[in-house]
N, C-alpha and C. Protein backbone atom coordinates (compact mmCIF):
# COMPACT_ATOMS: atom_id res chain seq x y z
N MET A 1 -10.05 9.05 -9.03
CA MET A 1 -8.92 8.29 -9.73
C MET A 1 -8.78 7.01 -9.98
N ASN A 2 -9.56 6.85 -10.94
CA ASN A 2 -9.96 4.66 -10.94
C ASN A 2 -9.29 4.56 -11.73
N TRP A 3 -9.00 2.80 -11.42
CA TRP A 3 -7.62 2.32 -12.27
C TRP A 3 -8.00 1.70 -13.51
N ASN A 4 -7.58 1.67 -14.26
CA ASN A 4 -7.78 0.85 -15.89
C ASN A 4 -7.41 -0.31 -15.87
N LYS A 5 -7.40 -1.53 -16.14
CA LYS A 5 -6.91 -2.99 -16.39
C LYS A 5 -6.60 -2.95 -17.69
N PHE A 6 -5.14 -3.79 -17.52
CA PHE A 6 -4.84 -3.83 -19.12
C PHE A 6 -5.27 -5.42 -19.49
N ASN A 7 -6.19 -5.54 -20.01
CA ASN A 7 -6.41 -7.47 -21.07
C ASN A 7 -5.74 -7.71 -22.01
N ASN A 8 -5.31 -7.14 -22.67
CA ASN A 8 -4.45 -7.25 -23.82
C ASN A 8 -3.78 -6.66 -24.45
N SER A 9 -3.13 -7.06 -25.84
CA SER A 9 -2.10 -5.88 -26.41
C SER A 9 -2.79 -4.68 -26.70
N THR A 10 -3.84 -4.97 -27.02
CA THR A 10 -4.65 -3.68 -27.64
C THR A 10 -4.97 -2.81 -26.94
N ASP A 11 -5.07 -3.15 -25.48
CA ASP A 11 -4.77 -1.71 -24.25
C ASP A 11 -3.57 -1.37 -24.23
N ILE A 12 -2.49 -2.07 -24.22
CA ILE A 12 -1.20 -1.85 -23.97
C ILE A 12 -0.66 -0.72 -25.12
N GLY A 13 -1.15 -1.10 -26.73
CA GLY A 13 -1.07 -0.56 -27.30
C GLY A 13 -1.33 1.14 -27.65
N LYS A 14 -2.42 1.18 -26.91
CA LYS A 14 -3.29 2.42 -26.82
C LYS A 14 -2.84 3.04 -25.55
N PHE A 15 -2.29 2.52 -24.63
CA PHE A 15 -1.87 3.19 -23.42
C PHE A 15 -0.55 3.50 -23.64
N MET A 16 0.34 3.05 -24.44
CA MET A 16 1.89 3.42 -24.53
C MET A 16 0.98 4.81 -25.66
N ASP A 17 0.51 4.90 -26.50
CA ASP A 17 0.22 5.63 -27.36
C ASP A 17 -0.06 7.16 -26.40
N LEU A 18 -0.93 6.99 -25.40
CA LEU A 18 -1.54 7.85 -24.61
C LEU A 18 -0.27 8.54 -23.84
N PHE A 19 0.57 7.29 -23.39
CA PHE A 19 1.77 7.96 -22.48
C PHE A 19 3.13 8.51 -23.42
N GLY A 20 3.03 8.19 -24.58
CA GLY A 20 4.19 8.23 -25.41
C GLY A 20 5.19 7.39 -24.85
N GLY A 21 5.14 6.34 -25.00
CA GLY A 21 6.01 5.55 -25.11
C GLY A 21 6.67 5.65 -23.64
N PHE A 22 6.56 6.20 -23.05
CA PHE A 22 7.36 6.86 -21.69
C PHE A 22 8.31 7.45 -22.01
N HIS A 23 8.45 8.29 -23.19
CA HIS A 23 9.64 8.76 -23.36
C HIS A 23 9.59 10.31 -22.52
N ASP A 24 10.64 10.77 -22.43
CA ASP A 24 11.32 11.64 -21.54
C ASP A 24 10.55 11.59 -20.40
N SER A 25 10.16 10.34 -19.58
CA SER A 25 9.86 10.40 -18.22
C SER A 25 10.67 9.91 -17.47
N CYS A 26 10.37 9.87 -15.93
CA CYS A 26 11.08 9.07 -15.15
C CYS A 26 10.20 8.52 -14.02
N LEU A 27 11.18 7.67 -13.09
CA LEU A 27 10.36 7.11 -12.35
C LEU A 27 10.12 7.88 -10.81
N LYS A 28 9.03 8.57 -10.43
CA LYS A 28 9.17 9.36 -9.77
C LYS A 28 9.33 8.62 -8.10
N GLU A 29 8.23 7.46 -7.81
CA GLU A 29 7.84 7.17 -6.73
C GLU A 29 7.58 5.44 -6.86
N LEU A 30 8.11 4.40 -5.85
CA LEU A 30 7.56 3.08 -6.09
C LEU A 30 7.22 2.89 -4.63
N TYR A 31 6.45 1.90 -4.64
CA TYR A 31 5.85 1.63 -3.27
C TYR A 31 5.59 0.12 -3.45
N MET A 32 5.93 -0.87 -2.64
CA MET A 32 5.70 -2.38 -2.74
C MET A 32 5.05 -2.89 -1.31
N SER A 33 4.18 -3.99 -1.68
CA SER A 33 3.36 -4.33 -0.29
C SER A 33 2.90 -5.61 -0.64
N THR A 34 2.92 -6.59 0.40
CA THR A 34 2.06 -8.05 0.52
C THR A 34 1.02 -8.28 1.63
N GLU A 35 0.29 -9.11 1.29
CA GLU A 35 -0.75 -9.68 2.34
C GLU A 35 -0.06 -9.92 3.39
N THR A 36 1.26 -10.33 3.87
CA THR A 36 1.46 -10.82 5.19
C THR A 36 1.59 -9.56 6.17
N PHE A 37 1.33 -10.15 7.23
CA PHE A 37 1.13 -8.89 8.66
C PHE A 37 1.56 -9.60 9.80
N VAL A 38 1.95 -8.89 11.15
CA VAL A 38 1.60 -9.30 12.29
C VAL A 38 0.45 -8.32 13.07
N ASP A 39 -0.15 -9.40 13.54
CA ASP A 39 -0.96 -8.70 14.02
C ASP A 39 -0.78 -8.08 15.46
N GLU A 40 -2.02 -7.25 16.39
CA GLU A 40 -1.63 -6.99 17.54
C GLU A 40 -1.33 -7.90 18.10
N GLU A 41 -1.83 -9.10 18.19
CA GLU A 41 -1.18 -10.35 19.06
C GLU A 41 0.22 -10.84 18.96
N LEU A 42 1.04 -10.11 17.85
CA LEU A 42 1.80 -10.68 17.34
C LEU A 42 2.23 -12.20 16.52
N SER A 43 0.83 -12.15 16.00
CA SER A 43 0.64 -13.50 15.41
C SER A 43 1.12 -13.28 14.02
N MET A 44 1.75 -14.14 12.81
CA MET A 44 1.83 -13.48 11.63
C MET A 44 0.91 -13.94 10.59
N SER A 45 0.13 -13.40 9.35
CA SER A 45 -0.67 -14.19 8.68
C SER A 45 -0.09 -14.12 7.78
N MET A 46 -0.10 -14.87 6.56
CA MET A 46 0.58 -14.74 5.63
C MET A 46 -0.71 -15.47 4.42
N SER A 47 0.01 -15.18 2.77
CA SER A 47 -1.10 -15.73 2.18
C SER A 47 -0.26 -16.89 0.98
N VAL A 48 -0.55 -17.51 0.63
CA VAL A 48 -0.18 -18.86 0.05
C VAL A 48 0.06 -18.01 -1.34
N ASN A 49 -1.06 -16.98 -2.30
CA ASN A 49 -1.05 -16.25 -3.39
C ASN A 49 0.11 -15.82 -3.75
N LEU A 50 0.19 -15.42 -4.76
CA LEU A 50 1.40 -14.53 -5.18
C LEU A 50 0.61 -13.11 -4.89
N ASP A 51 1.21 -12.91 -3.97
CA ASP A 51 0.44 -11.36 -3.03
C ASP A 51 1.23 -10.06 -3.51
N THR A 52 2.46 -9.83 -3.76
CA THR A 52 3.21 -8.48 -4.25
C THR A 52 2.47 -7.97 -4.66
N CYS A 53 2.22 -6.58 -4.56
CA CYS A 53 1.66 -5.74 -5.45
C CYS A 53 3.00 -4.47 -5.46
N VAL A 54 2.95 -4.03 -6.34
CA VAL A 54 3.95 -2.95 -6.80
C VAL A 54 3.23 -1.53 -7.39
N ARG A 55 3.27 -0.49 -6.60
CA ARG A 55 2.74 0.60 -7.46
C ARG A 55 4.07 1.68 -7.84
N ILE A 56 3.83 1.77 -8.86
CA ILE A 56 5.03 2.86 -9.53
C ILE A 56 4.20 4.20 -9.93
N LEU A 57 4.70 5.80 -9.57
CA LEU A 57 4.75 6.74 -9.88
C LEU A 57 5.60 7.08 -11.02
N PHE A 58 5.03 7.71 -12.54
CA PHE A 58 5.70 7.82 -13.29
C PHE A 58 5.48 9.49 -13.65
N GLN A 59 6.43 10.30 -13.88
CA GLN A 59 5.90 11.49 -14.62
C GLN A 59 6.88 11.85 -15.58
N ARG A 60 6.35 12.92 -16.68
CA ARG A 60 6.73 13.16 -17.80
C ARG A 60 6.69 14.31 -18.67
N GLN A 61 7.58 14.76 -19.36
CA GLN A 61 7.32 16.09 -19.96
C GLN A 61 6.57 16.17 -20.95
N ASP A 62 5.43 16.37 -20.57
CA ASP A 62 4.31 16.22 -21.73
C ASP A 62 2.72 16.29 -20.79
N ARG A 63 2.11 16.51 -21.43
CA ARG A 63 0.45 16.51 -21.00
C ARG A 63 -0.34 15.50 -21.42
N ASP A 64 -1.32 15.72 -20.87
CA ASP A 64 -2.89 14.89 -20.86
C ASP A 64 -1.57 12.85 -21.38
N PRO A 65 -1.62 12.45 -20.10
CA PRO A 65 -1.64 12.88 -19.16
C PRO A 65 0.05 13.16 -18.88
N SER A 66 0.47 13.91 -17.67
CA SER A 66 1.61 13.98 -17.62
C SER A 66 2.16 12.90 -16.08
N ALA A 67 1.31 12.54 -15.91
CA ALA A 67 1.54 11.51 -14.53
C ALA A 67 0.85 10.82 -14.35
N ILE A 68 1.25 9.25 -14.26
CA ILE A 68 0.34 7.74 -14.32
C ILE A 68 0.99 7.17 -13.24
N GLU A 69 0.53 6.16 -12.84
CA GLU A 69 0.72 5.30 -11.74
C GLU A 69 0.21 4.37 -12.16
N LEU A 70 1.26 3.05 -12.26
CA LEU A 70 1.21 1.61 -12.55
C LEU A 70 1.00 0.95 -11.60
N LEU A 71 -0.05 0.21 -11.23
CA LEU A 71 -0.12 -0.89 -10.19
C LEU A 71 0.26 -2.28 -10.85
N PHE A 72 0.95 -3.31 -10.33
CA PHE A 72 1.35 -4.35 -10.52
C PHE A 72 0.68 -5.26 -9.56
N LYS A 73 -0.11 -6.19 -10.34
CA LYS A 73 -0.70 -7.46 -9.28
C LYS A 73 0.04 -8.70 -9.53
N GLY A 74 0.23 -9.59 -8.32
CA GLY A 74 0.55 -11.44 -8.82
C GLY A 74 2.36 -11.00 -9.02
N VAL A 75 3.22 -10.11 -8.52
CA VAL A 75 4.42 -10.16 -8.88
C VAL A 75 5.21 -10.99 -9.13
N THR A 76 5.82 -11.27 -10.17
CA THR A 76 6.75 -12.38 -10.31
C THR A 76 8.34 -12.00 -10.19
N HIS A 77 8.64 -11.32 -11.13
CA HIS A 77 9.93 -10.26 -10.74
C HIS A 77 9.77 -9.34 -10.61
N PHE A 78 10.97 -8.51 -9.81
CA PHE A 78 11.28 -7.15 -9.67
C PHE A 78 12.45 -6.83 -9.73
N HIS A 79 13.25 -6.22 -10.62
CA HIS A 79 14.25 -6.17 -10.93
C HIS A 79 14.43 -4.42 -10.57
N ILE A 80 15.28 -4.00 -9.72
CA ILE A 80 15.64 -2.25 -9.71
C ILE A 80 17.08 -2.20 -9.89
N TYR A 81 17.32 -1.22 -11.06
CA TYR A 81 18.85 -0.90 -11.54
C TYR A 81 18.70 0.27 -11.26
N PRO A 82 19.30 0.90 -9.85
CA PRO A 82 19.71 2.47 -10.06
C PRO A 82 20.88 3.10 -10.77
N ARG A 83 20.42 4.37 -11.22
CA ARG A 83 21.69 4.37 -12.14
C ARG A 83 22.70 5.17 -11.34
N ALA A 84 24.12 5.25 -12.09
CA ALA A 84 25.07 5.12 -11.21
C ALA A 84 25.07 6.82 -10.93
N GLU A 85 26.12 7.01 -10.48
CA GLU A 85 26.22 8.41 -10.14
C GLU A 85 26.65 9.10 -10.81
N ASN A 86 26.33 10.51 -11.42
CA ASN A 86 26.16 11.23 -12.34
C ASN A 86 25.80 10.71 -13.80
N GLN A 87 24.76 10.17 -13.57
CA GLN A 87 24.22 9.31 -14.78
C GLN A 87 22.68 9.46 -14.21
N ASP A 88 22.04 10.38 -15.64
CA ASP A 88 20.36 10.48 -15.65
C ASP A 88 19.74 9.55 -15.33
N SER A 89 18.44 9.97 -14.89
CA SER A 89 17.39 9.21 -14.26
C SER A 89 16.05 9.36 -15.55
N ILE A 90 16.66 9.57 -17.05
CA ILE A 90 15.53 9.93 -17.34
C ILE A 90 15.37 8.44 -18.35
N ILE A 91 13.82 8.49 -18.38
CA ILE A 91 13.20 7.07 -19.45
C ILE A 91 13.19 7.69 -20.70
N TYR A 92 13.94 7.19 -21.56
CA TYR A 92 13.76 7.70 -23.23
C TYR A 92 12.51 6.95 -23.78
N GLY A 93 12.56 5.74 -23.47
CA GLY A 93 11.23 4.69 -24.12
C GLY A 93 11.41 4.04 -23.19
N ALA A 94 10.10 2.91 -22.82
CA ALA A 94 9.87 1.97 -22.20
C ALA A 94 9.33 0.63 -22.72
N LYS A 95 9.17 -0.12 -22.69
CA LYS A 95 8.33 -1.87 -22.89
C LYS A 95 7.60 -2.02 -22.29
N LEU A 96 6.29 -2.53 -22.50
CA LEU A 96 5.27 -3.19 -21.62
C LEU A 96 4.49 -3.85 -22.72
N LEU A 97 4.83 -5.47 -22.13
CA LEU A 97 4.42 -6.53 -22.87
C LEU A 97 3.59 -7.68 -22.53
N LEU A 98 2.78 -8.34 -22.96
CA LEU A 98 1.98 -9.42 -22.52
C LEU A 98 2.21 -10.77 -23.03
N ILE A 99 3.08 -11.31 -22.34
CA ILE A 99 3.28 -12.70 -23.06
C ILE A 99 2.74 -14.03 -21.99
N GLU A 100 2.05 -15.22 -22.97
CA GLU A 100 1.49 -16.02 -21.98
C GLU A 100 1.28 -15.61 -20.89
N GLY A 101 0.28 -14.59 -20.94
CA GLY A 101 -0.66 -14.39 -19.48
C GLY A 101 0.46 -13.67 -18.43
N GLN A 102 1.58 -13.06 -19.05
CA GLN A 102 2.45 -12.28 -17.95
C GLN A 102 2.82 -11.12 -18.63
N PHE A 103 2.34 -10.07 -17.84
CA PHE A 103 2.70 -8.65 -18.25
C PHE A 103 4.13 -8.21 -17.64
N TYR A 104 5.23 -7.73 -18.91
CA TYR A 104 5.94 -7.18 -18.26
C TYR A 104 6.40 -5.78 -18.66
N TRP A 105 6.97 -5.08 -17.98
CA TRP A 105 7.34 -3.53 -18.37
C TRP A 105 8.62 -3.55 -18.02
N ALA A 106 9.65 -2.75 -18.93
CA ALA A 106 10.95 -2.42 -18.55
C ALA A 106 11.41 -1.22 -18.81
N GLU A 107 12.30 -0.11 -18.55
CA GLU A 107 12.63 1.02 -18.85
C GLU A 107 13.34 0.70 -20.24
N ASP A 108 13.42 0.17 -21.05
CA ASP A 108 13.98 0.46 -22.03
C ASP A 108 13.50 -0.07 -23.24
N GLU A 109 13.14 0.24 -24.25
CA GLU A 109 12.74 -0.21 -25.68
C GLU A 109 13.34 -1.43 -26.11
N GLU A 110 14.55 -1.08 -25.97
CA GLU A 110 15.28 -2.59 -26.46
C GLU A 110 15.68 -3.90 -25.75
N TRP A 111 15.01 -3.83 -24.39
CA TRP A 111 14.75 -4.74 -23.36
C TRP A 111 14.40 -6.41 -23.72
N GLN A 112 15.22 -7.17 -23.63
CA GLN A 112 14.71 -8.54 -24.21
C GLN A 112 14.51 -9.43 -23.50
N ILE A 113 13.39 -10.37 -23.49
CA ILE A 113 12.91 -11.18 -22.49
C ILE A 113 13.62 -12.12 -21.94
N ASP A 114 14.52 -12.64 -23.66
CA ASP A 114 14.83 -13.45 -23.03
C ASP A 114 16.55 -13.56 -22.63
N GLN A 115 17.02 -12.14 -21.97
CA GLN A 115 17.72 -11.95 -21.90
C GLN A 115 17.74 -10.99 -20.11
N PRO A 116 16.75 -11.26 -19.69
CA PRO A 116 16.37 -10.55 -18.78
C PRO A 116 17.34 -9.34 -17.61
N PHE A 117 18.29 -10.58 -17.26
CA PHE A 117 19.33 -10.00 -16.00
C PHE A 117 20.69 -9.66 -17.13
N LEU A 118 20.40 -9.52 -18.29
CA LEU A 118 22.33 -9.37 -18.86
C LEU A 118 22.14 -7.68 -19.23
N GLN A 119 20.78 -7.14 -19.13
CA GLN A 119 20.76 -5.32 -19.66
C GLN A 119 20.40 -5.08 -18.10
N PRO A 120 20.99 -4.05 -18.02
CA PRO A 120 21.68 -3.20 -16.42
C PRO A 120 20.04 -2.26 -16.85
N ILE A 121 19.03 -2.53 -16.40
CA ILE A 121 17.94 -1.92 -16.37
C ILE A 121 16.89 -2.12 -15.28
N SER A 122 15.93 -0.98 -14.97
CA SER A 122 14.81 -2.15 -14.11
C SER A 122 13.74 -2.42 -14.98
N TRP A 123 13.23 -3.50 -14.17
CA TRP A 123 11.94 -4.31 -15.35
C TRP A 123 11.24 -5.15 -14.27
N ILE A 124 10.29 -5.19 -14.37
CA ILE A 124 8.98 -6.01 -13.60
C ILE A 124 7.72 -6.98 -14.19
N SER A 125 7.49 -7.64 -13.56
CA SER A 125 6.72 -8.81 -14.51
C SER A 125 5.49 -9.07 -13.29
N ALA A 126 4.40 -9.15 -13.86
CA ALA A 126 3.25 -9.66 -13.19
C ALA A 126 2.39 -10.13 -13.82
N LYS A 127 0.96 -10.95 -12.70
CA LYS A 127 -0.03 -11.41 -13.54
C LYS A 127 -0.96 -10.31 -13.88
N GLU A 128 -1.06 -9.29 -13.34
CA GLU A 128 -2.12 -8.25 -13.45
C GLU A 128 -1.44 -6.75 -13.91
N ILE A 129 -1.88 -5.81 -14.61
CA ILE A 129 -1.33 -4.38 -14.07
C ILE A 129 -2.75 -3.46 -14.51
N TYR A 130 -2.18 -2.81 -14.01
CA TYR A 130 -3.49 -1.56 -13.99
C TYR A 130 -2.79 -0.08 -13.88
N TRP A 131 -3.67 0.98 -14.53
CA TRP A 131 -3.17 1.99 -14.58
C TRP A 131 -3.95 3.17 -14.33
N ARG A 132 -3.83 4.43 -14.06
CA ARG A 132 -4.74 5.48 -13.89
C ARG A 132 -3.44 7.34 -13.74
N ASP A 133 -3.92 7.73 -14.56
CA ASP A 133 -3.92 9.22 -14.59
C ASP A 133 -3.85 9.81 -13.03
N VAL A 134 -2.59 10.01 -12.99
CA VAL A 134 -2.16 11.31 -11.42
C VAL A 134 -1.86 12.15 -11.67
N SER A 135 -2.24 12.96 -12.78
CA SER A 135 -1.39 14.10 -13.52
C SER A 135 -1.31 15.49 -12.07
N PRO A 136 -2.27 15.24 -11.29
CA PRO A 136 -2.59 16.25 -10.49
C PRO A 136 -0.77 16.36 -9.52
N TRP A 137 -0.28 15.05 -9.79
CA TRP A 137 0.78 14.45 -8.66
C TRP A 137 2.15 15.06 -9.38
N MET A 138 2.21 15.92 -10.03
CA MET A 138 3.06 16.69 -10.88
C MET A 138 4.07 17.31 -9.82
N GLY A 139 5.30 17.57 -9.73
CA GLY A 139 6.22 17.86 -8.78
C GLY A 139 7.29 16.89 -7.72
N LYS A 140 7.56 18.09 -6.90
CA LYS A 140 8.80 17.09 -6.33
C LYS A 140 8.36 16.04 -5.27
N LYS A 141 6.61 16.66 -4.48
CA LYS A 141 6.50 15.74 -3.46
C LYS A 141 5.51 15.13 -4.32
């Protein structure tokens, strides 16, 4: 399962076509990491770079691919908005943009970059994005 890097808007368009614009998908899992750690001697090591990475697993009700993982490197904003009780978690369509060297993913096609916090949706921005087909990862586990 090799990672595919997004380099430009053409890559984004091809990917969005391939994954159906995230129509009828869901965010299954999310993992965040940094390069900061405490070693065995209890010394802390930190990076001065944008070292936050986020991996997100999406599944959808379609094939080829039915599951993908996005890897965001150099995360600059990370906004998760969980659904309310008795509200479904279906993503009906998402937005993926490249603006001035920054990638943005939002769980709604109508999301506006000029008002990112006014909309009750999850979104993330990062310096780099990669994707890979993980269709064998379908199901509850």
